[in-house]
Amino acid sequence: MPQQPTLDFGTDPHKLHRRDAPETSVAAAHRVNTVTDESRVYGIIHDSGDYGATLREISDRLCKQMNQVSGRVTSLLAKKIIKTTGRQRKRCRVYVVTG
């Protein structure tokens, strides 16, 4: 039986900016609270069950723009905490919790 991934929320700020990024971008990366943001994104996807949630639906629920949420979705995908279903709604991928 596959093991449930650890819910390890948060991303190292150094992964949020390019190496040659200006100081303002580096400072902004250090201000992002990825623990809270990833936890909120996960909660929305988890609460959606098998129906799942799209980036558009997540951003609407959080009252944020899609580009403000997409990095947290990418982080959760990389950690294998969420996965895509292969389905789409309104041209957006549907995400569900793994396990």
Protein backbone atom coordinates (compact mmCIF):
# COMPACT_ATOMS: atom_id res chain seq x y z
CA MET A 1 0.00 0.00 0.00
CA PRO A 2 1.47 3.42 -0.95
CA GLN A 3 2.55 5.59 1.94
CA GLN A 4 0.76 8.89 2.52
CA PRO A 5 3.14 11.78 1.77
CA THR A 6 4.23 13.92 4.70
CA LEU A 7 2.39 17.21 4.80
CA ASP A 8 5.53 19.30 4.69
CA PHE A 9 4.24 22.78 3.97
CA GLY A 10 6.61 25.59 3.09
CA THR A 11 9.22 26.23 0.42
CA ASP A 12 12.76 27.56 0.88
CA PRO A 13 12.78 31.23 -0.19
CA HIS A 14 15.89 30.58 -2.29
CA LYS A 15 13.73 28.41 -4.56
CA LEU A 16 11.32 31.29 -5.14
CA HIS A 17 13.68 33.55 -7.08
CA ARG A 18 16.32 33.31 -9.79
CA ARG A 19 20.01 33.37 -8.91
CA ASP A 20 20.46 36.64 -10.80
CA ALA A 21 17.28 38.20 -9.41
CA PRO A 22 17.36 41.83 -8.29
CA GLU A 23 17.46 42.48 -4.56
CA THR A 24 13.79 43.49 -4.55
CA SER A 25 12.79 40.06 -5.90
CA VAL A 26 14.96 38.30 -3.33
CA ALA A 27 13.41 40.38 -0.55
CA ALA A 28 9.91 39.61 -1.83
CA ALA A 29 10.68 35.87 -1.90
CA HIS A 30 11.64 36.02 1.76
CA ARG A 31 8.38 37.78 2.66
CA VAL A 32 6.10 35.10 1.16
CA ASN A 33 4.56 32.90 3.84
CA THR A 34 4.66 29.64 1.89
CA VAL A 35 3.70 27.52 4.91
CA THR A 36 0.35 29.29 5.30
CA ASP A 37 -0.26 29.60 1.55
CA GLU A 38 0.51 25.93 0.81
CA SER A 39 -1.63 24.87 3.76
CA ARG A 40 -4.59 26.91 2.48
CA VAL A 41 -4.23 25.57 -1.06
CA TYR A 42 -4.01 22.02 0.28
CA GLY A 43 -7.11 22.58 2.43
CA ILE A 44 -9.18 23.71 -0.55
CA ILE A 45 -8.08 20.75 -2.66
CA HIS A 46 -8.61 18.33 0.26
CA ASP A 47 -12.09 19.69 0.95
CA SER A 48 -12.98 19.25 -2.74
CA GLY A 49 -12.59 15.47 -2.42
CA ASP A 50 -12.72 13.40 -5.62
CA TYR A 51 -14.26 16.34 -7.50
CA GLY A 52 -10.96 18.16 -7.08
CA ALA A 53 -10.16 21.82 -7.58
CA THR A 54 -8.66 23.83 -10.41
CA LEU A 55 -6.18 26.68 -10.13
CA ARG A 56 -8.99 29.09 -11.04
CA GLU A 57 -11.26 27.69 -8.31
CA ILE A 58 -8.47 27.81 -5.74
CA SER A 59 -7.56 31.39 -6.61
CA ASP A 60 -11.22 32.44 -6.47
CA ARG A 61 -11.63 30.88 -3.01
CA LEU A 62 -8.47 32.63 -1.76
CA CYS A 63 -9.39 35.95 -3.43
CA LYS A 64 -6.01 35.98 -5.15
CA GLN A 65 -4.91 36.05 -8.76
CA MET A 66 -3.97 32.74 -10.37
CA ASN A 67 -0.31 33.76 -10.68
CA GLN A 68 -0.24 34.33 -6.91
CA VAL A 69 -1.42 30.75 -6.27
CA SER A 70 0.23 28.74 -9.04
CA GLY A 71 3.61 28.55 -7.29
CA ARG A 72 2.03 26.95 -4.24
CA VAL A 73 0.27 24.39 -6.45
CA THR A 74 3.58 23.64 -8.17
CA SER A 75 5.29 23.14 -4.79
CA LEU A 76 2.59 20.75 -3.59
CA LEU A 77 2.85 18.81 -6.86
CA ALA A 78 6.64 18.54 -6.51
CA LYS A 79 6.23 17.22 -2.95
CA LYS A 80 3.65 14.70 -4.24
CA ILE A 81 1.07 15.99 -1.78
CA ILE A 82 -1.38 16.64 -4.62
CA LYS A 83 -1.69 15.27 -8.15
CA THR A 84 -3.47 16.06 -11.40
CA THR A 85 -6.42 13.90 -12.36
CA GLY A 86 -6.06 14.21 -16.12
CA ARG A 87 -9.40 16.04 -16.21
CA GLN A 88 -10.01 19.70 -16.98
CA ARG A 89 -12.70 22.22 -16.15
CA LYS A 90 -12.84 25.48 -18.08
CA ARG A 91 -9.43 24.64 -19.60
CA CYS A 92 -7.79 24.25 -16.16
CA ARG A 93 -6.27 21.07 -14.74
CA VAL A 94 -8.10 19.43 -11.85
CA TYR A 95 -6.03 18.63 -8.74
CA VAL A 96 -6.78 16.16 -5.94
CA VAL A 97 -4.97 15.09 -2.80
CA THR A 98 -2.72 12.03 -3.25
CA GLY A 99 -3.38 8.86 -1.33
